[in-house]
Amino acid sequence: MITCSHCNYYENPAGNNYCLGCGNKLPTTFERWHRLLLALWVLVIGTLLFFIPERLPRLAREKDNGSNIPTTSKELPPEINPNGIYHSEVTLADGSTGAFDIYVLDKKYVWETGSESVVEGLGDLSQKNKWKTAFSERLQELLKNANEIIVVGTADIRSATERENARAGNRSRTLLNVVTEIRGNGQTAFNWNLGQWKGSRKVSFEDQRRLIFIEVVRRSAGADLKEGVRKALEEHQTAQPIFTDLLYSYSKSNAFEIR
């Protein structure tokens, strides 16, 4: 039976083209299904428009690798997501060149809140020889065999800037001590204190205090290390949010205090 939209109360047998009560044309089966599908499409599109804008910033950061970003051919340690490594070759203004591999450790390895030595999933790296069991053999080999290595210290936004800048510096020194022990000397290891996060408050605290290593694969004699790193990061800033963050979102980003 079909209820007439004009009569409302008058029900007509299925298959009738016109209402037996008022004579108005009745919708066909096709027209009824067409209206139902149209209503469903409106509902789906409205739902997507409501939810997607809220999720875009988080989804963009969960995407570990942007398109067209070259990656290294090395076999990676398990601590490093394959989509979290970036290779960059740069030429500086004076004609000198350099090549860098930037490693962002997996999100399950971040600095523990408030700690200057404990990394979630790895433990307290300030303990003597802790790295021997905390770091995989492959990561130890990577850090040991790098021509030069830079460790990066980060801190999140949840405390006073002066305190968090110091915390980030101490975190970078914790990593530097570990890398120095692994390499046997500290002559070709450097630390970079990025300081406290000063970027968007929508970024999760974990994303603000990631563990990052930068391997200097090679650089020609006289090539400026700081300028080389800056240019390596600038190469990826439009395709990957974390590199924009390293350049601009920390209190010491522009200082490039690599030492």
C-alpha atoms as a PDB file:
ATOM      1  CA  MET A   1       0.000   0.000   0.000  1.00  0.00           C
ATOM      2  CA  ILE A   2       1.117   3.576  -0.737  1.00  0.00           C
ATOM      3  CA  THR A   3      -0.023   6.561   1.382  1.00  0.00           C
ATOM      4  CA  CYS A   4      -0.772   9.568  -0.803  1.00  0.00           C
ATOM      5  CA  SER A   5       1.321  12.631   0.117  1.00  0.00           C
ATOM      6  CA  HIS A   6      -1.653  14.860  -0.687  1.00  0.00           C
ATOM      7  CA  CYS A   7      -4.388  12.905   1.076  1.00  0.00           C
ATOM      8  CA  ASN A   8      -2.104  11.533   3.823  1.00  0.00           C
ATOM      9  CA  TYR A   9      -4.861   9.324   5.158  1.00  0.00           C
ATOM     10  CA  TYR A  10      -5.717   7.620   1.886  1.00  0.00           C
ATOM     11  CA  GLU A  11      -3.814   4.393   1.164  1.00  0.00           C
ATOM     12  CA  ASN A  12      -3.619   3.114  -2.397  1.00  0.00           C
ATOM     13  CA  PRO A  13      -2.789  -0.379  -3.652  1.00  0.00           C
ATOM     14  CA  ALA A  14       0.768  -0.786  -4.913  1.00  0.00           C
ATOM     15  CA  GLY A  15       1.059  -0.318  -8.678  1.00  0.00           C
ATOM     16  CA  ASN A  16      -1.473   2.495  -8.965  1.00  0.00           C
ATOM     17  CA  ASN A  17      -0.264   5.551 -10.861  1.00  0.00           C
ATOM     18  CA  TYR A  18      -2.888   7.931  -9.467  1.00  0.00           C
ATOM     19  CA  CYS A  19      -4.458   8.263  -6.026  1.00  0.00           C
ATOM     20  CA  LEU A  20      -7.954   6.797  -5.816  1.00  0.00           C
ATOM     21  CA  GLY A  21      -8.886   9.444  -3.226  1.00  0.00           C
ATOM     22  CA  CYS A  22      -7.730  12.758  -4.743  1.00  0.00           C
ATOM     23  CA  GLY A  23      -6.533  11.838  -8.211  1.00  0.00           C
ATOM     24  CA  ASN A  24      -2.985  13.158  -7.781  1.00  0.00           C
ATOM     25  CA  LYS A  25      -0.104  11.259  -9.378  1.00  0.00           C
ATOM     26  CA  LEU A  26       1.612   8.789  -7.037  1.00  0.00           C
ATOM     27  CA  PRO A  27       5.432   8.345  -6.954  1.00  0.00           C
ATOM     28  CA  THR A  28       6.771   5.305  -8.787  1.00  0.00           C
ATOM     29  CA  THR A  29       8.967   2.711  -7.063  1.00  0.00           C
ATOM     30  CA  PHE A  30      12.009   4.164  -8.841  1.00  0.00           C
ATOM     31  CA  GLU A  31      11.194   7.688  -7.638  1.00  0.00           C
ATOM     32  CA  ARG A  32      10.801   6.500  -4.050  1.00  0.00           C
ATOM     33  CA  TRP A  33      14.187   4.711  -4.063  1.00  0.00           C
ATOM     34  CA  HIS A  34      15.796   7.703  -5.773  1.00  0.00           C
ATOM     35  CA  ARG A  35      14.619  10.017  -2.994  1.00  0.00           C
ATOM     36  CA  LEU A  36      15.827   7.601  -0.316  1.00  0.00           C
ATOM     37  CA  LEU A  37      19.303   7.290  -1.874  1.00  0.00           C
ATOM     38  CA  LEU A  38      19.557  11.072  -2.240  1.00  0.00           C
ATOM     39  CA  ALA A  39      18.732  11.507   1.452  1.00  0.00           C
ATOM     40  CA  LEU A  40      21.392   8.927   2.400  1.00  0.00           C
ATOM     41  CA  TRP A  41      24.037  10.701   0.303  1.00  0.00           C
ATOM     42  CA  VAL A  42      23.212  14.016   1.963  1.00  0.00           C
ATOM     43  CA  LEU A  43      23.559  12.344   5.373  1.00  0.00           C
ATOM     44  CA  VAL A  44      26.942  10.749   4.494  1.00  0.00           C
ATOM     45  CA  ILE A  45      28.416  13.947   3.019  1.00  0.00           C
ATOM     46  CA  GLY A  46      27.209  15.995   5.980  1.00  0.00           C
ATOM     47  CA  THR A  47      28.816  13.533   8.405  1.00  0.00           C
ATOM     48  CA  LEU A  48      32.149  13.658   6.554  1.00  0.00           C
ATOM     49  CA  LEU A  49      32.149  17.445   6.448  1.00  0.00           C
ATOM     50  CA  PHE A  50      31.545  17.518  10.185  1.00  0.00           C
ATOM     51  CA  PHE A  51      34.222  15.048  11.296  1.00  0.00           C
ATOM     52  CA  ILE A  52      37.078  15.325   8.773  1.00  0.00           C
ATOM     53  CA  PRO A  53      38.231  18.911   9.501  1.00  0.00           C
ATOM     54  CA  GLU A  54      38.726  18.016  13.179  1.00  0.00           C
ATOM     55  CA  ARG A  55      40.839  15.005  12.292  1.00  0.00           C
ATOM     56  CA  LEU A  56      43.017  16.466   9.540  1.00  0.00           C
ATOM     57  CA  PRO A  57      45.823  17.923  11.746  1.00  0.00           C
ATOM     58  CA  ARG A  58      46.204  14.632  13.631  1.00  0.00           C
ATOM     59  CA  LEU A  59      46.008  12.524  10.486  1.00  0.00           C
ATOM     60  CA  ALA A  60      48.634  14.697   8.806  1.00  0.00           C
ATOM     61  CA  ARG A  61      51.041  14.057  11.696  1.00  0.00           C
ATOM     62  CA  GLU A  62      50.270  10.346  11.788  1.00  0.00           C
ATOM     63  CA  LYS A  63      51.350  10.163   8.159  1.00  0.00           C
ATOM     64  CA  ASP A  64      55.045   9.530   8.741  1.00  0.00           C
ATOM     65  CA  ASN A  65      56.164  10.061   5.182  1.00  0.00           C
ATOM     66  CA  GLY A  66      55.244  12.675   2.592  1.00  0.00           C
ATOM     67  CA  SER A  67      55.210  11.867  -1.106  1.00  0.00           C
ATOM     68  CA  ASN A  68      58.356  12.441  -3.148  1.00  0.00           C
ATOM     69  CA  ILE A  69      60.643  12.402  -0.083  1.00  0.00           C
ATOM     70  CA  PRO A  70      63.765  10.321  -0.835  1.00  0.00           C
ATOM     71  CA  THR A  71      64.644   7.698   1.763  1.00  0.00           C
ATOM     72  CA  THR A  72      67.895   5.911   2.434  1.00  0.00           C
ATOM     73  CA  SER A  73      68.559   2.407   1.122  1.00  0.00           C
ATOM     74  CA  LYS A  74      70.050   1.274   4.444  1.00  0.00           C
ATOM     75  CA  GLU A  75      68.609  -1.601   6.416  1.00  0.00           C
ATOM     76  CA  LEU A  76      66.938   0.156   9.310  1.00  0.00           C
ATOM     77  CA  PRO A  77      67.000  -0.616  13.034  1.00  0.00           C
ATOM     78  CA  PRO A  78      63.642  -1.718  14.486  1.00  0.00           C
ATOM     79  CA  GLU A  79      63.426   1.508  16.522  1.00  0.00           C
ATOM     80  CA  ILE A  80      63.147   3.536  13.319  1.00  0.00           C
ATOM     81  CA  ASN A  81      59.990   3.382  11.258  1.00  0.00           C
ATOM     82  CA  PRO A  82      60.863   2.983   7.547  1.00  0.00           C
ATOM     83  CA  ASN A  83      58.706   6.042   6.896  1.00  0.00           C
ATOM     84  CA  GLY A  84      60.595   8.029   9.516  1.00  0.00           C
ATOM     85  CA  ILE A  85      63.942   8.364   7.729  1.00  0.00           C
ATOM     86  CA  TYR A  86      64.849  11.026   5.214  1.00  0.00           C
ATOM     87  CA  HIS A  87      67.880  11.459   2.998  1.00  0.00           C
ATOM     88  CA  SER A  88      68.893  14.924   1.849  1.00  0.00           C
ATOM     89  CA  GLU A  89      71.793  16.089  -0.310  1.00  0.00           C
ATOM     90  CA  VAL A  90      72.517  19.807  -0.249  1.00  0.00           C
ATOM     91  CA  THR A  91      74.783  22.348  -1.890  1.00  0.00           C
ATOM     92  CA  LEU A  92      75.620  25.425   0.169  1.00  0.00           C
ATOM     93  CA  ALA A  93      76.129  28.986  -1.010  1.00  0.00           C
ATOM     94  CA  ASP A  94      79.933  28.600  -1.068  1.00  0.00           C
ATOM     95  CA  GLY A  95      79.691  25.510  -3.296  1.00  0.00           C
ATOM     96  CA  SER A  96      80.430  22.979  -0.547  1.00  0.00           C
ATOM     97  CA  THR A  97      78.163  19.951  -0.329  1.00  0.00           C
ATOM     98  CA  GLY A  98      76.762  17.634   2.294  1.00  0.00           C
ATOM     99  CA  ALA A  99      74.506  14.603   2.653  1.00  0.00           C
ATOM    100  CA  PHE A 100      72.331  13.918   5.677  1.00  0.00           C
ATOM    101  CA  ASP A 101      70.115  11.104   6.890  1.00  0.00           C
ATOM    102  CA  ILE A 102      67.500  12.254   9.383  1.00  0.00           C
ATOM    103  CA  TYR A 103      66.088   9.524  11.624  1.00  0.00           C
ATOM    104  CA  VAL A 104      62.875  10.024  13.592  1.00  0.00           C
ATOM    105  CA  LEU A 105      62.405   7.186  16.061  1.00  0.00           C
ATOM    106  CA  ASP A 106      59.065   5.434  16.226  1.00  0.00           C
ATOM    107  CA  LYS A 107      56.351   7.192  18.246  1.00  0.00           C
ATOM    108  CA  LYS A 108      56.525   4.560  20.973  1.00  0.00           C
ATOM    109  CA  TYR A 109      60.031   5.854  21.822  1.00  0.00           C
ATOM    110  CA  VAL A 110      59.609   9.384  23.188  1.00  0.00           C
ATOM    111  CA  TRP A 111      61.020  11.173  26.222  1.00  0.00           C
ATOM    112  CA  GLU A 112      59.097  10.337  29.373  1.00  0.00           C
ATOM    113  CA  THR A 113      57.200  13.336  30.745  1.00  0.00           C
ATOM    114  CA  GLY A 114      59.413  15.378  33.090  1.00  0.00           C
ATOM    115  CA  SER A 115      62.458  13.115  32.695  1.00  0.00           C
ATOM    116  CA  GLU A 116      65.827  14.055  31.239  1.00  0.00           C
ATOM    117  CA  SER A 117      67.100  10.502  30.831  1.00  0.00           C
ATOM    118  CA  VAL A 118      64.158   8.072  30.545  1.00  0.00           C
ATOM    119  CA  VAL A 119      62.751   7.157  27.148  1.00  0.00           C
ATOM    120  CA  GLU A 120      59.457   5.303  26.923  1.00  0.00           C
ATOM    121  CA  GLY A 121      60.112   1.798  25.654  1.00  0.00           C
ATOM    122  CA  LEU A 122      63.894   2.063  26.171  1.00  0.00           C
ATOM    123  CA  GLY A 123      64.324   2.908  29.860  1.00  0.00           C
ATOM    124  CA  ASP A 124      66.770   5.131  31.728  1.00  0.00           C
ATOM    125  CA  LEU A 125      69.612   5.855  29.313  1.00  0.00           C
ATOM    126  CA  SER A 126      71.712   7.502  32.024  1.00  0.00           C
ATOM    127  CA  GLN A 127      72.350   4.124  33.646  1.00  0.00           C
ATOM    128  CA  LYS A 128      75.813   2.784  32.881  1.00  0.00           C
ATOM    129  CA  ASN A 129      75.828   0.649  29.736  1.00  0.00           C
ATOM    130  CA  LYS A 130      72.005   0.686  29.613  1.00  0.00           C
ATOM    131  CA  TRP A 131      72.219   1.322  25.874  1.00  0.00           C
ATOM    132  CA  LYS A 132      73.676  -2.154  25.345  1.00  0.00           C
ATOM    133  CA  THR A 133      70.313  -3.714  26.142  1.00  0.00           C
ATOM    134  CA  ALA A 134      68.021  -0.762  25.394  1.00  0.00           C
ATOM    135  CA  PHE A 135      69.227  -0.152  21.823  1.00  0.00           C
ATOM    136  CA  SER A 136      69.043  -2.875  19.187  1.00  0.00           C
ATOM    137  CA  GLU A 137      72.357  -4.068  17.736  1.00  0.00           C
ATOM    138  CA  ARG A 138      71.437  -2.517  14.417  1.00  0.00           C
ATOM    139  CA  LEU A 139      70.833   0.897  15.967  1.00  0.00           C
ATOM    140  CA  GLN A 140      74.138   0.653  17.817  1.00  0.00           C
ATOM    141  CA  GLU A 141      75.877  -0.179  14.535  1.00  0.00           C
ATOM    142  CA  LEU A 142      74.230   2.758  12.792  1.00  0.00           C
ATOM    143  CA  LEU A 143      75.350   5.188  15.507  1.00  0.00           C
ATOM    144  CA  LYS A 144      78.828   3.684  15.679  1.00  0.00           C
ATOM    145  CA  ASN A 145      79.529   3.666  11.953  1.00  0.00           C
ATOM    146  CA  ALA A 146      78.184   7.118  11.079  1.00  0.00           C
ATOM    147  CA  ASN A 147      80.860   9.541   9.899  1.00  0.00           C
ATOM    148  CA  GLU A 148      79.317  12.206  12.131  1.00  0.00           C
ATOM    149  CA  ILE A 149      76.156  12.088  14.225  1.00  0.00           C
ATOM    150  CA  ILE A 150      73.931  14.782  15.734  1.00  0.00           C
ATOM    151  CA  VAL A 151      71.538  14.030  18.606  1.00  0.00           C
ATOM    152  CA  VAL A 152      68.515  16.285  19.085  1.00  0.00           C
ATOM    153  CA  GLY A 153      66.998  17.368  22.409  1.00  0.00           C
ATOM    154  CA  THR A 154      63.316  18.343  22.614  1.00  0.00           C
ATOM    155  CA  ALA A 155      60.823  19.297  25.327  1.00  0.00           C
ATOM    156  CA  ASP A 156      57.081  19.877  25.337  1.00  0.00           C
ATOM    157  CA  ILE A 157      55.072  22.972  26.177  1.00  0.00           C
ATOM    158  CA  ARG A 158      53.798  22.132  29.655  1.00  0.00           C
ATOM    159  CA  SER A 159      56.163  24.120  31.871  1.00  0.00           C
ATOM    160  CA  ALA A 160      58.156  27.362  32.015  1.00  0.00           C
ATOM    161  CA  THR A 161      60.305  27.990  28.959  1.00  0.00           C
ATOM    162  CA  GLU A 162      63.549  28.334  30.899  1.00  0.00           C
ATOM    163  CA  ARG A 163      62.980  25.009  32.667  1.00  0.00           C
ATOM    164  CA  GLU A 164      61.992  23.163  29.490  1.00  0.00           C
ATOM    165  CA  ASN A 165      64.904  24.621  27.513  1.00  0.00           C
ATOM    166  CA  ALA A 166      67.215  23.233  30.176  1.00  0.00           C
ATOM    167  CA  ARG A 167      65.395  19.900  30.129  1.00  0.00           C
ATOM    168  CA  ALA A 168      65.766  19.630  26.351  1.00  0.00           C
ATOM    169  CA  GLY A 169      69.467  20.447  26.689  1.00  0.00           C
ATOM    170  CA  ASN A 170      69.953  17.750  29.327  1.00  0.00           C
ATOM    171  CA  ARG A 171      68.101  15.254  27.155  1.00  0.00           C
ATOM    172  CA  SER A 172      70.425  16.003  24.257  1.00  0.00           C
ATOM    173  CA  ARG A 173      73.412  15.528  26.588  1.00  0.00           C
ATOM    174  CA  THR A 174      71.997  12.176  27.743  1.00  0.00           C
ATOM    175  CA  LEU A 175      71.860  11.059  24.129  1.00  0.00           C
ATOM    176  CA  LEU A 176      75.295  12.506  23.426  1.00  0.00           C
ATOM    177  CA  ASN A 177      76.813  10.524  26.310  1.00  0.00           C
ATOM    178  CA  VAL A 178      75.210   7.338  24.988  1.00  0.00           C
ATOM    179  CA  VAL A 179      76.397   7.974  21.438  1.00  0.00           C
ATOM    180  CA  THR A 180      79.897   8.819  22.682  1.00  0.00           C
ATOM    181  CA  GLU A 181      80.067   5.517  24.563  1.00  0.00           C
ATOM    182  CA  ILE A 182      78.850   3.597  21.525  1.00  0.00           C
ATOM    183  CA  ARG A 183      81.338   5.312  19.206  1.00  0.00           C
ATOM    184  CA  GLY A 184      84.250   5.201  21.646  1.00  0.00           C
ATOM    185  CA  ASN A 185      84.876   8.968  21.406  1.00  0.00           C
ATOM    186  CA  GLY A 186      82.940  12.208  21.127  1.00  0.00           C
ATOM    187  CA  GLN A 187      85.012  14.006  18.510  1.00  0.00           C
ATOM    188  CA  THR A 188      82.488  13.483  15.709  1.00  0.00           C
ATOM    189  CA  ALA A 189      79.298  13.526  17.786  1.00  0.00           C
ATOM    190  CA  PHE A 190      77.285  16.699  18.363  1.00  0.00           C
ATOM    191  CA  ASN A 191      74.210  17.697  20.289  1.00  0.00           C
ATOM    192  CA  TRP A 192      71.486  20.107  19.236  1.00  0.00           C
ATOM    193  CA  ASN A 193      69.230  21.525  21.922  1.00  0.00           C
ATOM    194  CA  LEU A 194      65.998  22.585  20.255  1.00  0.00           C
ATOM    195  CA  GLY A 195      64.475  23.700  23.529  1.00  0.00           C
ATOM    196  CA  GLN A 196      60.799  23.930  24.389  1.00  0.00           C
ATOM    197  CA  TRP A 197      57.942  23.443  21.960  1.00  0.00           C
ATOM    198  CA  LYS A 198      56.408  26.787  20.980  1.00  0.00           C
ATOM    199  CA  GLY A 199      54.251  25.653  18.068  1.00  0.00           C
ATOM    200  CA  SER A 200      50.608  24.663  17.727  1.00  0.00           C
ATOM    201  CA  ARG A 201      48.879  23.528  20.902  1.00  0.00           C
ATOM    202  CA  LYS A 202      46.916  21.010  18.831  1.00  0.00           C
ATOM    203  CA  VAL A 203      50.040  18.857  18.434  1.00  0.00           C
ATOM    204  CA  SER A 204      50.146  15.994  20.961  1.00  0.00           C
ATOM    205  CA  PHE A 205      52.721  16.224  23.756  1.00  0.00           C
ATOM    206  CA  GLU A 206      54.334  12.998  22.510  1.00  0.00           C
ATOM    207  CA  ASP A 207      54.928  14.557  19.092  1.00  0.00           C
ATOM    208  CA  GLN A 208      56.608  17.503  20.792  1.00  0.00           C
ATOM    209  CA  ARG A 209      59.333  15.387  22.414  1.00  0.00           C
ATOM    210  CA  ARG A 210      60.356  12.873  19.759  1.00  0.00           C
ATOM    211  CA  LEU A 211      63.818  11.257  19.621  1.00  0.00           C
ATOM    212  CA  ILE A 212      65.763  12.331  16.560  1.00  0.00           C
ATOM    213  CA  PHE A 213      69.223  11.502  15.208  1.00  0.00           C
ATOM    214  CA  ILE A 214      70.819  13.246  12.235  1.00  0.00           C
ATOM    215  CA  GLU A 215      73.614  11.371  10.495  1.00  0.00           C
ATOM    216  CA  VAL A 216      76.087  13.420   8.521  1.00  0.00           C
ATOM    217  CA  VAL A 217      76.714  10.935   5.726  1.00  0.00           C
ATOM    218  CA  ARG A 218      79.335  13.187   4.230  1.00  0.00           C
ATOM    219  CA  ARG A 219      80.294  16.835   3.929  1.00  0.00           C
ATOM    220  CA  SER A 220      83.048  18.434   1.911  1.00  0.00           C
ATOM    221  CA  ALA A 221      85.969  20.113   3.668  1.00  0.00           C
ATOM    222  CA  GLY A 222      84.874  23.433   5.098  1.00  0.00           C
ATOM    223  CA  ALA A 223      81.142  22.751   4.700  1.00  0.00           C
ATOM    224  CA  ASP A 224      79.297  24.458   7.541  1.00  0.00           C
ATOM    225  CA  LEU A 225      77.501  21.836   9.652  1.00  0.00           C
ATOM    226  CA  LYS A 226      74.725  24.117  10.919  1.00  0.00           C
ATOM    227  CA  GLU A 227      73.949  25.544   7.508  1.00  0.00           C
ATOM    228  CA  GLY A 228      73.944  22.049   6.015  1.00  0.00           C
ATOM    229  CA  VAL A 229      71.432  20.778   8.569  1.00  0.00           C
ATOM    230  CA  ARG A 230      69.237  23.826   8.068  1.00  0.00           C
ATOM    231  CA  LYS A 231      69.158  23.284   4.317  1.00  0.00           C
ATOM    232  CA  ALA A 232      68.493  19.544   4.720  1.00  0.00           C
ATOM    233  CA  LEU A 233      65.439  20.324   6.846  1.00  0.00           C
ATOM    234  CA  GLU A 234      64.223  23.025   4.492  1.00  0.00           C
ATOM    235  CA  GLU A 235      64.125  20.477   1.672  1.00  0.00           C
ATOM    236  CA  HIS A 236      61.331  18.559   3.395  1.00  0.00           C
ATOM    237  CA  GLN A 237      59.406  21.252   5.217  1.00  0.00           C
ATOM    238  CA  THR A 238      56.493  21.462   2.786  1.00  0.00           C
ATOM    239  CA  ALA A 239      55.953  17.703   2.578  1.00  0.00           C
ATOM    240  CA  GLN A 240      56.404  16.645   6.193  1.00  0.00           C
ATOM    241  CA  PRO A 241      55.172  18.564   9.269  1.00  0.00           C
ATOM    242  CA  ILE A 242      57.958  17.434  11.597  1.00  0.00           C
ATOM    243  CA  PHE A 243      60.618  19.222   9.543  1.00  0.00           C
ATOM    244  CA  THR A 244      58.694  22.469   9.621  1.00  0.00           C
ATOM    245  CA  ASP A 245      58.503  21.980  13.378  1.00  0.00           C
ATOM    246  CA  LEU A 246      62.269  21.480  13.679  1.00  0.00           C
ATOM    247  CA  LEU A 247      62.813  24.701  11.767  1.00  0.00           C
ATOM    248  CA  TYR A 248      60.246  26.923  13.449  1.00  0.00           C
ATOM    249  CA  SER A 249      58.269  25.346  16.315  1.00  0.00           C
ATOM    250  CA  TYR A 250      60.850  25.184  19.122  1.00  0.00           C
ATOM    251  CA  SER A 251      62.197  28.088  21.158  1.00  0.00           C
ATOM    252  CA  LYS A 252      65.754  27.452  19.924  1.00  0.00           C
ATOM    253  CA  SER A 253      64.922  26.409  16.354  1.00  0.00           C
ATOM    254  CA  ASN A 254      66.459  29.434  14.675  1.00  0.00           C
ATOM    255  CA  ALA A 255      69.593  29.394  16.850  1.00  0.00           C
ATOM    256  CA  PHE A 256      70.918  26.111  15.431  1.00  0.00           C
ATOM    257  CA  GLU A 257      73.073  25.586  18.531  1.00  0.00           C
ATOM    258  CA  ILE A 258      74.771  22.440  17.286  1.00  0.00           C
ATOM    259  CA  ARG A 259      77.920  21.806  19.285  1.00  0.00           C
END
